[in-house]
């Protein structure tokens, strides 16, 4: 970095800026990470998650495999899945009386849940879904996030989905940023994330027109990754999200977090800086115990047992 800082002229300024950006990117991995030098494992905040778990109520099929439910009122339900789904967490939004519209209380609870999940090394993938039939209404998390849209996702609901890494929806789902109908604009990241997802011109068209898309149309423009025919239970998108999360579970936890960081940060800069970010992120995986475990498991022809270290 010192060499870059002393390089002459505009090139030196550019190189120094890139070095600072890469260093800042690595800093986002959390306390304990370093750009170079000796390896240290990310420091984990020991206990921020609320206790007082109770079994999930009801007996619907989609609830099977949930371990427990956190008691943070009924607007947000946080569940850790069990057995073969261990490592998957489901954030269920449940404001039926308000059609899952975002309230100050709900936003506070989401923020608290996100802060807790960030520091939980056992969490591999997070699914954001609605627990109100027919309505969807994820966040800045270091692990993969999947939005399961089985109903309406309008305005803030779609903005929540856009904050996730992957979006899946039922063909009957309805999605749109409709704020201009109310003489306002999307204020939860929609004007920034939608163009990044589907391109500037099309994003402008959808926002200017306040157009609502069904699942098939959303898939056609690249807003979602998968579209499913809705099932009788009304949870086709959730089931697909769960399938995807299961695909992610066997992978190395540190690699998953660092890969997400490299992709997200790299998309915001020029290619050369992005490659520098990738190199710095790649270097973080080399000294890990997980990498050695992966090599050993490959040699012994067995499934690796990753611990996120």
C-alpha atoms as a PDB file:
ATOM      1  CA  UNK A   1       0.000   0.000   0.000  1.00  0.00           C
ATOM      2  CA  UNK A   2       2.877   2.366   0.786  1.00  0.00           C
ATOM      3  CA  UNK A   3       4.262   1.875  -2.709  1.00  0.00           C
ATOM      4  CA  UNK A   4       0.907   2.693  -4.222  1.00  0.00           C
ATOM      5  CA  UNK A   5       0.621   5.816  -2.120  1.00  0.00           C
ATOM      6  CA  UNK A   6       3.951   7.145  -3.388  1.00  0.00           C
ATOM      7  CA  UNK A   7       3.368   6.365  -7.071  1.00  0.00           C
ATOM      8  CA  UNK A   8       3.459   9.576  -9.141  1.00  0.00           C
ATOM      9  CA  UNK A   9       0.490  11.455 -10.543  1.00  0.00           C
ATOM     10  CA  UNK A  10      -3.017  10.239 -11.211  1.00  0.00           C
ATOM     11  CA  UNK A  11      -1.963   6.593 -11.359  1.00  0.00           C
ATOM     12  CA  UNK A  12      -0.651   6.766  -7.803  1.00  0.00           C
ATOM     13  CA  UNK A  13      -3.870   8.356  -6.591  1.00  0.00           C
ATOM     14  CA  UNK A  14      -5.933   5.657  -8.335  1.00  0.00           C
ATOM     15  CA  UNK A  15      -3.807   2.836  -6.932  1.00  0.00           C
ATOM     16  CA  UNK A  16      -3.938   4.284  -3.436  1.00  0.00           C
ATOM     17  CA  UNK A  17      -7.708   4.625  -3.706  1.00  0.00           C
ATOM     18  CA  UNK A  18      -8.027   1.016  -4.802  1.00  0.00           C
ATOM     19  CA  UNK A  19      -5.829  -0.127  -1.932  1.00  0.00           C
ATOM     20  CA  UNK A  20      -7.989   1.748   0.573  1.00  0.00           C
ATOM     21  CA  UNK A  21     -11.157   0.287  -0.979  1.00  0.00           C
ATOM     22  CA  UNK A  22      -9.828  -3.259  -0.811  1.00  0.00           C
ATOM     23  CA  UNK A  23      -8.749  -2.736   2.808  1.00  0.00           C
ATOM     24  CA  UNK A  24     -12.184  -1.341   3.662  1.00  0.00           C
ATOM     25  CA  UNK A  25     -13.794  -4.293   1.916  1.00  0.00           C
ATOM     26  CA  UNK A  26     -11.820  -6.776   4.001  1.00  0.00           C
ATOM     27  CA  UNK A  27     -12.668  -4.810   7.128  1.00  0.00           C
ATOM     28  CA  UNK A  28     -16.327  -5.592   6.440  1.00  0.00           C
ATOM     29  CA  UNK A  29     -15.571  -9.247   7.112  1.00  0.00           C
ATOM     30  CA  UNK A  30     -15.691  -8.264  10.768  1.00  0.00           C
ATOM     31  CA  UNK A  31     -13.333  -7.874  13.722  1.00  0.00           C
ATOM     32  CA  UNK A  32     -10.352 -10.183  13.606  1.00  0.00           C
ATOM     33  CA  UNK A  33      -9.926 -10.282   9.814  1.00  0.00           C
ATOM     34  CA  UNK A  34      -6.760  -8.918   8.229  1.00  0.00           C
ATOM     35  CA  UNK A  35      -5.826  -8.011   4.677  1.00  0.00           C
ATOM     36  CA  UNK A  36      -2.409  -9.615   5.018  1.00  0.00           C
ATOM     37  CA  UNK A  37      -0.123 -11.146   7.602  1.00  0.00           C
ATOM     38  CA  UNK A  38      -1.082 -13.762  10.136  1.00  0.00           C
ATOM     39  CA  UNK A  39      -4.534 -15.307  10.019  1.00  0.00           C
ATOM     40  CA  UNK A  40      -6.994 -14.630  12.793  1.00  0.00           C
ATOM     41  CA  UNK A  41     -10.496 -16.015  12.972  1.00  0.00           C
ATOM     42  CA  UNK A  42     -13.426 -13.547  12.990  1.00  0.00           C
ATOM     43  CA  UNK A  43     -14.354 -12.604  16.542  1.00  0.00           C
ATOM     44  CA  UNK A  44     -17.900 -13.611  17.384  1.00  0.00           C
ATOM     45  CA  UNK A  45     -20.091 -11.655  19.751  1.00  0.00           C
ATOM     46  CA  UNK A  46     -21.050 -14.373  22.241  1.00  0.00           C
ATOM     47  CA  UNK A  47     -24.708 -13.841  23.009  1.00  0.00           C
ATOM     48  CA  UNK A  48     -27.040 -11.379  21.462  1.00  0.00           C
ATOM     49  CA  UNK A  49     -29.883 -13.704  20.577  1.00  0.00           C
ATOM     50  CA  UNK A  50     -32.970 -13.623  22.751  1.00  0.00           C
ATOM     51  CA  UNK A  51     -34.005 -16.808  24.517  1.00  0.00           C
ATOM     52  CA  UNK A  52     -37.382 -18.099  25.606  1.00  0.00           C
ATOM     53  CA  UNK A  53     -38.091 -20.464  22.696  1.00  0.00           C
ATOM     54  CA  UNK A  54     -41.421 -22.208  22.273  1.00  0.00           C
ATOM     55  CA  UNK A  55     -42.510 -24.885  19.778  1.00  0.00           C
ATOM     56  CA  UNK A  56     -44.022 -23.568  16.539  1.00  0.00           C
ATOM     57  CA  UNK A  57     -47.794 -23.424  16.711  1.00  0.00           C
ATOM     58  CA  UNK A  58     -50.094 -25.155  14.268  1.00  0.00           C
ATOM     59  CA  UNK A  59     -49.597 -28.268  12.229  1.00  0.00           C
ATOM     60  CA  UNK A  60     -49.388 -27.133   8.620  1.00  0.00           C
ATOM     61  CA  UNK A  61     -46.947 -29.073   6.454  1.00  0.00           C
ATOM     62  CA  UNK A  62     -44.581 -26.168   5.833  1.00  0.00           C
ATOM     63  CA  UNK A  63     -43.857 -25.863   9.547  1.00  0.00           C
ATOM     64  CA  UNK A  64     -42.273 -29.312   9.792  1.00  0.00           C
ATOM     65  CA  UNK A  65     -38.606 -29.279  10.687  1.00  0.00           C
ATOM     66  CA  UNK A  66     -38.696 -25.953  12.540  1.00  0.00           C
ATOM     67  CA  UNK A  67     -36.967 -26.138  15.868  1.00  0.00           C
ATOM     68  CA  UNK A  68     -38.408 -23.163  17.669  1.00  0.00           C
ATOM     69  CA  UNK A  69     -39.742 -19.645  17.491  1.00  0.00           C
ATOM     70  CA  UNK A  70     -38.335 -16.548  19.149  1.00  0.00           C
ATOM     71  CA  UNK A  71     -40.778 -14.544  21.242  1.00  0.00           C
ATOM     72  CA  UNK A  72     -40.365 -11.079  19.735  1.00  0.00           C
ATOM     73  CA  UNK A  73     -44.093 -10.422  19.468  1.00  0.00           C
ATOM     74  CA  UNK A  74     -45.955 -11.839  16.496  1.00  0.00           C
ATOM     75  CA  UNK A  75     -44.838  -9.433  13.750  1.00  0.00           C
ATOM     76  CA  UNK A  76     -41.516 -11.188  13.154  1.00  0.00           C
ATOM     77  CA  UNK A  77     -40.949 -14.890  13.720  1.00  0.00           C
ATOM     78  CA  UNK A  78     -37.412 -16.249  13.663  1.00  0.00           C
ATOM     79  CA  UNK A  79     -36.966 -19.996  13.314  1.00  0.00           C
ATOM     80  CA  UNK A  80     -33.903 -22.206  13.253  1.00  0.00           C
ATOM     81  CA  UNK A  81     -34.478 -25.353  11.217  1.00  0.00           C
ATOM     82  CA  UNK A  82     -33.462 -28.754  12.489  1.00  0.00           C
ATOM     83  CA  UNK A  83     -31.949 -32.027  11.327  1.00  0.00           C
ATOM     84  CA  UNK A  84     -30.919 -32.016   7.646  1.00  0.00           C
ATOM     85  CA  UNK A  85     -31.920 -28.341   7.442  1.00  0.00           C
ATOM     86  CA  UNK A  86     -29.717 -27.282  10.358  1.00  0.00           C
ATOM     87  CA  UNK A  87     -28.010 -24.001   9.514  1.00  0.00           C
ATOM     88  CA  UNK A  88     -31.051 -22.547   7.730  1.00  0.00           C
ATOM     89  CA  UNK A  89     -32.935 -19.738   9.471  1.00  0.00           C
ATOM     90  CA  UNK A  90     -36.372 -18.491   8.396  1.00  0.00           C
ATOM     91  CA  UNK A  91     -37.478 -14.916   9.044  1.00  0.00           C
ATOM     92  CA  UNK A  92     -41.264 -14.939   8.872  1.00  0.00           C
ATOM     93  CA  UNK A  93     -43.104 -11.608   8.632  1.00  0.00           C
ATOM     94  CA  UNK A  94     -46.560 -11.759  10.165  1.00  0.00           C
ATOM     95  CA  UNK A  95     -48.568  -8.509  10.138  1.00  0.00           C
ATOM     96  CA  UNK A  96     -51.810  -9.860   8.725  1.00  0.00           C
ATOM     97  CA  UNK A  97     -53.899  -6.936   9.930  1.00  0.00           C
ATOM     98  CA  UNK A  98     -51.660  -4.514   7.992  1.00  0.00           C
ATOM     99  CA  UNK A  99     -50.953  -6.797   4.998  1.00  0.00           C
ATOM    100  CA  UNK A 100     -47.301  -6.994   6.087  1.00  0.00           C
ATOM    101  CA  UNK A 101     -46.691  -3.282   5.579  1.00  0.00           C
ATOM    102  CA  UNK A 102     -43.460  -2.112   7.208  1.00  0.00           C
ATOM    103  CA  UNK A 103     -44.001  -0.534  10.613  1.00  0.00           C
ATOM    104  CA  UNK A 104     -41.418   1.165  12.818  1.00  0.00           C
ATOM    105  CA  UNK A 105     -41.670  -1.729  15.243  1.00  0.00           C
ATOM    106  CA  UNK A 106     -41.190  -4.324  12.500  1.00  0.00           C
ATOM    107  CA  UNK A 107     -38.161  -2.497  11.123  1.00  0.00           C
ATOM    108  CA  UNK A 108     -36.634  -2.385  14.614  1.00  0.00           C
ATOM    109  CA  UNK A 109     -37.234  -6.105  15.065  1.00  0.00           C
ATOM    110  CA  UNK A 110     -35.735  -6.884  11.651  1.00  0.00           C
ATOM    111  CA  UNK A 111     -32.699  -4.784  12.505  1.00  0.00           C
ATOM    112  CA  UNK A 112     -32.275  -6.575  15.841  1.00  0.00           C
ATOM    113  CA  UNK A 113     -32.639  -9.971  14.188  1.00  0.00           C
ATOM    114  CA  UNK A 114     -30.099  -9.056  11.500  1.00  0.00           C
ATOM    115  CA  UNK A 115     -27.572  -7.888  14.091  1.00  0.00           C
ATOM    116  CA  UNK A 116     -27.944 -11.164  15.981  1.00  0.00           C
ATOM    117  CA  UNK A 117     -27.712 -13.366  12.881  1.00  0.00           C
ATOM    118  CA  UNK A 118     -24.581 -11.576  11.663  1.00  0.00           C
ATOM    119  CA  UNK A 119     -22.620 -12.877  14.638  1.00  0.00           C
ATOM    120  CA  UNK A 120     -24.004 -16.427  14.609  1.00  0.00           C
ATOM    121  CA  UNK A 121     -21.453 -18.702  12.953  1.00  0.00           C
ATOM    122  CA  UNK A 122     -23.937 -21.571  12.845  1.00  0.00           C
ATOM    123  CA  UNK A 123     -26.198 -19.747  10.389  1.00  0.00           C
ATOM    124  CA  UNK A 124     -25.498 -20.695   6.759  1.00  0.00           C
ATOM    125  CA  UNK A 125     -28.502 -19.369   4.784  1.00  0.00           C
ATOM    126  CA  UNK A 126     -31.485 -17.162   5.643  1.00  0.00           C
ATOM    127  CA  UNK A 127     -34.910 -17.332   4.006  1.00  0.00           C
ATOM    128  CA  UNK A 128     -37.213 -14.315   4.212  1.00  0.00           C
ATOM    129  CA  UNK A 129     -40.884 -15.148   3.757  1.00  0.00           C
ATOM    130  CA  UNK A 130     -44.376 -14.073   4.671  1.00  0.00           C
ATOM    131  CA  UNK A 131     -46.461 -15.977   7.170  1.00  0.00           C
ATOM    132  CA  UNK A 132     -49.555 -14.174   5.956  1.00  0.00           C
ATOM    133  CA  UNK A 133     -51.095 -16.209   3.088  1.00  0.00           C
ATOM    134  CA  UNK A 134     -50.861 -14.370  -0.228  1.00  0.00           C
ATOM    135  CA  UNK A 135     -48.620 -11.512   0.955  1.00  0.00           C
ATOM    136  CA  UNK A 136     -44.864 -10.994   1.084  1.00  0.00           C
ATOM    137  CA  UNK A 137     -43.597  -8.172   2.933  1.00  0.00           C
ATOM    138  CA  UNK A 138     -33.045  -9.559   3.603  1.00  0.00           C
ATOM    139  CA  UNK A 139     -31.112  -7.480   4.728  1.00  0.00           C
ATOM    140  CA  UNK A 140     -27.422  -6.610   4.987  1.00  0.00           C
ATOM    141  CA  UNK A 141     -26.337 -10.050   6.163  1.00  0.00           C
ATOM    142  CA  UNK A 142     -23.005 -11.777   5.488  1.00  0.00           C
ATOM    143  CA  UNK A 143     -24.597 -15.133   4.605  1.00  0.00           C
ATOM    144  CA  UNK A 144     -26.768 -15.932   1.557  1.00  0.00           C
ATOM    145  CA  UNK A 145     -30.328 -14.618   1.807  1.00  0.00           C
ATOM    146  CA  UNK A 146     -33.304 -15.841  -0.214  1.00  0.00           C
ATOM    147  CA  UNK A 147     -36.632 -14.030  -0.610  1.00  0.00           C
ATOM    148  CA  UNK A 148     -39.558 -16.418  -1.054  1.00  0.00           C
ATOM    149  CA  UNK A 149     -42.455 -14.505  -2.640  1.00  0.00           C
ATOM    150  CA  UNK A 150     -45.695 -16.463  -2.558  1.00  0.00           C
ATOM    151  CA  UNK A 151     -48.092 -13.511  -2.772  1.00  0.00           C
ATOM    152  CA  UNK A 152     -48.065  -9.723  -2.948  1.00  0.00           C
ATOM    153  CA  UNK A 153     -44.727  -7.874  -2.765  1.00  0.00           C
ATOM    154  CA  UNK A 154     -45.552  -4.247  -3.461  1.00  0.00           C
ATOM    155  CA  UNK A 155     -43.570  -1.184  -2.441  1.00  0.00           C
ATOM    156  CA  UNK A 156     -41.590  -1.917   0.704  1.00  0.00           C
ATOM    157  CA  UNK A 157     -42.257  -5.640   0.330  1.00  0.00           C
ATOM    158  CA  UNK A 158     -40.409  -5.746  -2.975  1.00  0.00           C
ATOM    159  CA  UNK A 159     -37.664  -3.533  -1.572  1.00  0.00           C
ATOM    160  CA  UNK A 160     -37.098  -6.121   1.159  1.00  0.00           C
ATOM    161  CA  UNK A 161     -36.901  -8.814  -1.496  1.00  0.00           C
ATOM    162  CA  UNK A 162     -34.449  -6.733  -3.544  1.00  0.00           C
ATOM    163  CA  UNK A 163     -32.169  -6.588  -0.493  1.00  0.00           C
ATOM    164  CA  UNK A 164     -31.841 -10.384  -0.629  1.00  0.00           C
ATOM    165  CA  UNK A 165     -29.271 -12.213  -2.734  1.00  0.00           C
ATOM    166  CA  UNK A 166     -31.776 -14.461  -4.504  1.00  0.00           C
ATOM    167  CA  UNK A 167     -35.497 -14.082  -5.181  1.00  0.00           C
ATOM    168  CA  UNK A 168     -37.933 -16.860  -6.021  1.00  0.00           C
ATOM    169  CA  UNK A 169     -41.653 -16.415  -6.587  1.00  0.00           C
ATOM    170  CA  UNK A 170     -44.853 -18.235  -7.378  1.00  0.00           C
ATOM    171  CA  UNK A 171     -46.354 -17.534 -10.799  1.00  0.00           C
ATOM    172  CA  UNK A 172     -49.375 -16.005  -9.053  1.00  0.00           C
ATOM    173  CA  UNK A 173     -47.248 -13.579  -7.013  1.00  0.00           C
ATOM    174  CA  UNK A 174     -47.528  -9.848  -7.674  1.00  0.00           C
ATOM    175  CA  UNK A 175     -44.500  -7.558  -7.482  1.00  0.00           C
ATOM    176  CA  UNK A 176     -43.950  -3.874  -8.111  1.00  0.00           C
ATOM    177  CA  UNK A 177     -42.629  -0.555  -6.848  1.00  0.00           C
ATOM    178  CA  UNK A 178     -45.901   1.354  -6.884  1.00  0.00           C
ATOM    179  CA  UNK A 179     -44.953   4.424  -4.833  1.00  0.00           C
ATOM    180  CA  UNK A 180     -45.326   6.907  -7.700  1.00  0.00           C
ATOM    181  CA  UNK A 181     -49.076   6.230  -7.593  1.00  0.00           C
ATOM    182  CA  UNK A 182     -48.993   7.895  -4.186  1.00  0.00           C
ATOM    183  CA  UNK A 183     -46.899  10.824  -5.448  1.00  0.00           C
ATOM    184  CA  UNK A 184     -43.778   9.570  -3.667  1.00  0.00           C
ATOM    185  CA  UNK A 185     -40.811   7.447  -4.739  1.00  0.00           C
ATOM    186  CA  UNK A 186     -39.453   4.123  -3.448  1.00  0.00           C
ATOM    187  CA  UNK A 187     -37.564   5.045  -0.283  1.00  0.00           C
ATOM    188  CA  UNK A 188     -36.263   1.702   0.948  1.00  0.00           C
ATOM    189  CA  UNK A 189     -33.546   1.169  -1.630  1.00  0.00           C
ATOM    190  CA  UNK A 190     -35.808   0.486  -4.604  1.00  0.00           C
ATOM    191  CA  UNK A 191     -34.438   3.231  -6.856  1.00  0.00           C
ATOM    192  CA  UNK A 192     -30.925   1.846  -6.324  1.00  0.00           C
ATOM    193  CA  UNK A 193     -31.372  -1.916  -6.182  1.00  0.00           C
ATOM    194  CA  UNK A 194     -33.915  -2.370  -8.966  1.00  0.00           C
ATOM    195  CA  UNK A 195     -31.644  -0.825 -11.666  1.00  0.00           C
ATOM    196  CA  UNK A 196     -28.805  -3.003 -10.446  1.00  0.00           C
ATOM    197  CA  UNK A 197     -31.024  -6.065 -10.727  1.00  0.00           C
ATOM    198  CA  UNK A 198     -32.693  -5.513 -14.112  1.00  0.00           C
ATOM    199  CA  UNK A 199     -30.949  -2.522 -15.726  1.00  0.00           C
ATOM    200  CA  UNK A 200     -31.536   1.196 -15.595  1.00  0.00           C
ATOM    201  CA  UNK A 201     -33.942   1.652 -18.513  1.00  0.00           C
ATOM    202  CA  UNK A 202     -36.332  -1.110 -17.512  1.00  0.00           C
ATOM    203  CA  UNK A 203     -36.178  -0.104 -13.849  1.00  0.00           C
ATOM    204  CA  UNK A 204     -37.182   3.436 -14.790  1.00  0.00           C
ATOM    205  CA  UNK A 205     -40.057   2.102 -16.862  1.00  0.00           C
ATOM    206  CA  UNK A 206     -41.381  -0.002 -13.990  1.00  0.00           C
ATOM    207  CA  UNK A 207     -41.017   2.745 -11.388  1.00  0.00           C
ATOM    208  CA  UNK A 208     -42.441   5.484 -13.631  1.00  0.00           C
ATOM    209  CA  UNK A 209     -45.457   3.338 -14.495  1.00  0.00           C
ATOM    210  CA  UNK A 210     -45.890   1.760 -11.025  1.00  0.00           C
ATOM    211  CA  UNK A 211     -46.418  -1.463 -12.960  1.00  0.00           C
ATOM    212  CA  UNK A 212     -47.193  -4.694 -11.119  1.00  0.00           C
ATOM    213  CA  UNK A 213     -45.666  -7.911 -12.486  1.00  0.00           C
ATOM    214  CA  UNK A 214     -46.712 -11.504 -11.916  1.00  0.00           C
ATOM    215  CA  UNK A 215     -44.161 -14.246 -11.388  1.00  0.00           C
ATOM    216  CA  UNK A 216     -43.709 -15.079 -15.065  1.00  0.00           C
ATOM    217  CA  UNK A 217     -43.207 -11.442 -16.060  1.00  0.00           C
ATOM    218  CA  UNK A 218     -40.795 -10.901 -13.173  1.00  0.00           C
ATOM    219  CA  UNK A 219     -38.741 -13.888 -14.306  1.00  0.00           C
ATOM    220  CA  UNK A 220     -38.717 -12.597 -17.888  1.00  0.00           C
ATOM    221  CA  UNK A 221     -37.129  -9.280 -16.862  1.00  0.00           C
ATOM    222  CA  UNK A 222     -34.655 -10.894 -14.469  1.00  0.00           C
ATOM    223  CA  UNK A 223     -36.235  -9.643 -11.259  1.00  0.00           C
ATOM    224  CA  UNK A 224     -36.423 -13.178  -9.836  1.00  0.00           C
ATOM    225  CA  UNK A 225     -34.299 -16.270 -10.411  1.00  0.00           C
ATOM    226  CA  UNK A 226     -37.027 -18.938 -10.309  1.00  0.00           C
ATOM    227  CA  UNK A 227     -40.787 -18.989 -10.865  1.00  0.00           C
ATOM    228  CA  UNK A 228     -43.004 -21.856  -9.677  1.00  0.00           C
ATOM    229  CA  UNK A 229     -46.639 -22.774 -10.152  1.00  0.00           C
ATOM    230  CA  UNK A 230     -48.385 -22.158  -6.860  1.00  0.00           C
ATOM    231  CA  UNK A 231     -49.366 -25.259  -4.895  1.00  0.00           C
ATOM    232  CA  UNK A 232     -52.426 -25.948  -2.777  1.00  0.00           C
ATOM    233  CA  UNK A 233     -50.606 -24.955   0.399  1.00  0.00           C
ATOM    234  CA  UNK A 234     -49.633 -21.583  -1.080  1.00  0.00           C
ATOM    235  CA  UNK A 235     -45.929 -22.004  -0.303  1.00  0.00           C
ATOM    236  CA  UNK A 236     -44.337 -23.026  -3.617  1.00  0.00           C
ATOM    237  CA  UNK A 237     -41.753 -20.232  -3.485  1.00  0.00           C
ATOM    238  CA  UNK A 238     -40.838 -21.089   0.095  1.00  0.00           C
ATOM    239  CA  UNK A 239     -40.303 -24.734  -0.797  1.00  0.00           C
ATOM    240  CA  UNK A 240     -38.030 -23.731  -3.687  1.00  0.00           C
ATOM    241  CA  UNK A 241     -36.116 -21.391  -1.383  1.00  0.00           C
ATOM    242  CA  UNK A 242     -35.661 -24.247   1.055  1.00  0.00           C
ATOM    243  CA  UNK A 243     -34.323 -26.469  -1.734  1.00  0.00           C
ATOM    244  CA  UNK A 244     -31.787 -23.799  -2.669  1.00  0.00           C
ATOM    245  CA  UNK A 245     -30.764 -23.314   0.950  1.00  0.00           C
ATOM    246  CA  UNK A 246     -30.160 -27.054   1.248  1.00  0.00           C
ATOM    247  CA  UNK A 247     -27.841 -26.846  -1.771  1.00  0.00           C
ATOM    248  CA  UNK A 248     -25.827 -24.163   0.014  1.00  0.00           C
ATOM    249  CA  UNK A 249     -25.500 -26.002   3.343  1.00  0.00           C
ATOM    250  CA  UNK A 250     -22.603 -28.363   2.451  1.00  0.00           C
ATOM    251  CA  UNK A 251     -20.292 -25.558   1.300  1.00  0.00           C
ATOM    252  CA  UNK A 252     -17.569 -23.989   3.446  1.00  0.00           C
ATOM    253  CA  UNK A 253     -19.122 -21.256   5.655  1.00  0.00           C
ATOM    254  CA  UNK A 254     -16.142 -18.886   5.485  1.00  0.00           C
ATOM    255  CA  UNK A 255     -15.942 -19.295   1.707  1.00  0.00           C
ATOM    256  CA  UNK A 256     -19.653 -18.519   1.356  1.00  0.00           C
ATOM    257  CA  UNK A 257     -19.376 -15.300   3.345  1.00  0.00           C
ATOM    258  CA  UNK A 258     -16.235 -14.163   1.556  1.00  0.00           C
ATOM    259  CA  UNK A 259     -17.653 -15.042  -1.882  1.00  0.00           C
ATOM    260  CA  UNK A 260     -20.743 -12.935  -1.159  1.00  0.00           C
ATOM    261  CA  UNK A 261     -18.575 -10.037  -0.038  1.00  0.00           C
ATOM    262  CA  UNK A 262     -16.351 -10.250  -3.117  1.00  0.00           C
ATOM    263  CA  UNK A 263     -19.337 -10.300  -5.477  1.00  0.00           C
ATOM    264  CA  UNK A 264     -21.206  -7.478  -3.751  1.00  0.00           C
ATOM    265  CA  UNK A 265     -18.221  -5.183  -3.442  1.00  0.00           C
ATOM    266  CA  UNK A 266     -16.818  -6.043  -6.854  1.00  0.00           C
ATOM    267  CA  UNK A 267     -20.050  -5.095  -8.615  1.00  0.00           C
ATOM    268  CA  UNK A 268     -19.736  -1.535  -7.289  1.00  0.00           C
ATOM    269  CA  UNK A 269     -16.273  -0.812  -8.725  1.00  0.00           C
ATOM    270  CA  UNK A 270     -14.293  -1.129 -11.956  1.00  0.00           C
ATOM    271  CA  UNK A 271     -13.005  -4.549 -13.015  1.00  0.00           C
ATOM    272  CA  UNK A 272      -9.398  -3.961 -11.958  1.00  0.00           C
ATOM    273  CA  UNK A 273     -10.424  -2.933  -8.449  1.00  0.00           C
ATOM    274  CA  UNK A 274     -12.895  -5.805  -8.350  1.00  0.00           C
ATOM    275  CA  UNK A 275     -10.122  -8.268  -9.159  1.00  0.00           C
ATOM    276  CA  UNK A 276      -8.040  -6.788  -6.335  1.00  0.00           C
ATOM    277  CA  UNK A 277     -10.978  -7.270  -3.961  1.00  0.00           C
ATOM    278  CA  UNK A 278     -11.344 -10.865  -5.163  1.00  0.00           C
ATOM    279  CA  UNK A 279      -7.643 -11.515  -4.576  1.00  0.00           C
ATOM    280  CA  UNK A 280      -7.825 -10.104  -1.067  1.00  0.00           C
ATOM    281  CA  UNK A 281     -10.933 -12.137  -0.279  1.00  0.00           C
ATOM    282  CA  UNK A 282      -9.426 -15.303  -1.737  1.00  0.00           C
ATOM    283  CA  UNK A 283      -6.391 -14.846   0.501  1.00  0.00           C
ATOM    284  CA  UNK A 284      -8.673 -14.945   3.540  1.00  0.00           C
ATOM    285  CA  UNK A 285      -9.730 -18.525   2.747  1.00  0.00           C
ATOM    286  CA  UNK A 286      -6.218 -19.980   2.401  1.00  0.00           C
ATOM    287  CA  UNK A 287      -5.171 -20.229   6.094  1.00  0.00           C
ATOM    288  CA  UNK A 288      -8.546 -21.557   7.290  1.00  0.00           C
ATOM    289  CA  UNK A 289      -9.089 -24.915   8.943  1.00  0.00           C
ATOM    290  CA  UNK A 290     -12.035 -25.408   6.616  1.00  0.00           C
ATOM    291  CA  UNK A 291      -9.786 -25.330   3.539  1.00  0.00           C
ATOM    292  CA  UNK A 292      -7.543 -28.019   5.039  1.00  0.00           C
ATOM    293  CA  UNK A 293     -10.603 -30.056   5.973  1.00  0.00           C
ATOM    294  CA  UNK A 294     -11.898 -29.764   2.398  1.00  0.00           C
ATOM    295  CA  UNK A 295      -8.606 -31.054   0.973  1.00  0.00           C
ATOM    296  CA  UNK A 296      -8.462 -33.893   3.486  1.00  0.00           C
ATOM    297  CA  UNK A 297     -12.080 -34.901   2.835  1.00  0.00           C
ATOM    298  CA  UNK A 298     -11.425 -34.938  -0.909  1.00  0.00           C
ATOM    299  CA  UNK A 299      -8.386 -37.135  -0.411  1.00  0.00           C
ATOM    300  CA  UNK A 300     -10.288 -39.510   1.873  1.00  0.00           C
ATOM    301  CA  UNK A 301     -13.358 -39.477  -0.380  1.00  0.00           C
ATOM    302  CA  UNK A 302     -15.759 -38.391   2.353  1.00  0.00           C
ATOM    303  CA  UNK A 303     -18.077 -35.489   3.069  1.00  0.00           C
ATOM    304  CA  UNK A 304     -16.196 -32.545   4.626  1.00  0.00           C
ATOM    305  CA  UNK A 305     -17.127 -31.428   8.139  1.00  0.00           C
ATOM    306  CA  UNK A 306     -16.776 -27.668   8.015  1.00  0.00           C
ATOM    307  CA  UNK A 307     -16.854 -25.602  11.188  1.00  0.00           C
ATOM    308  CA  UNK A 308     -16.572 -22.074   9.808  1.00  0.00           C
ATOM    309  CA  UNK A 309     -12.994 -21.692  11.007  1.00  0.00           C
END
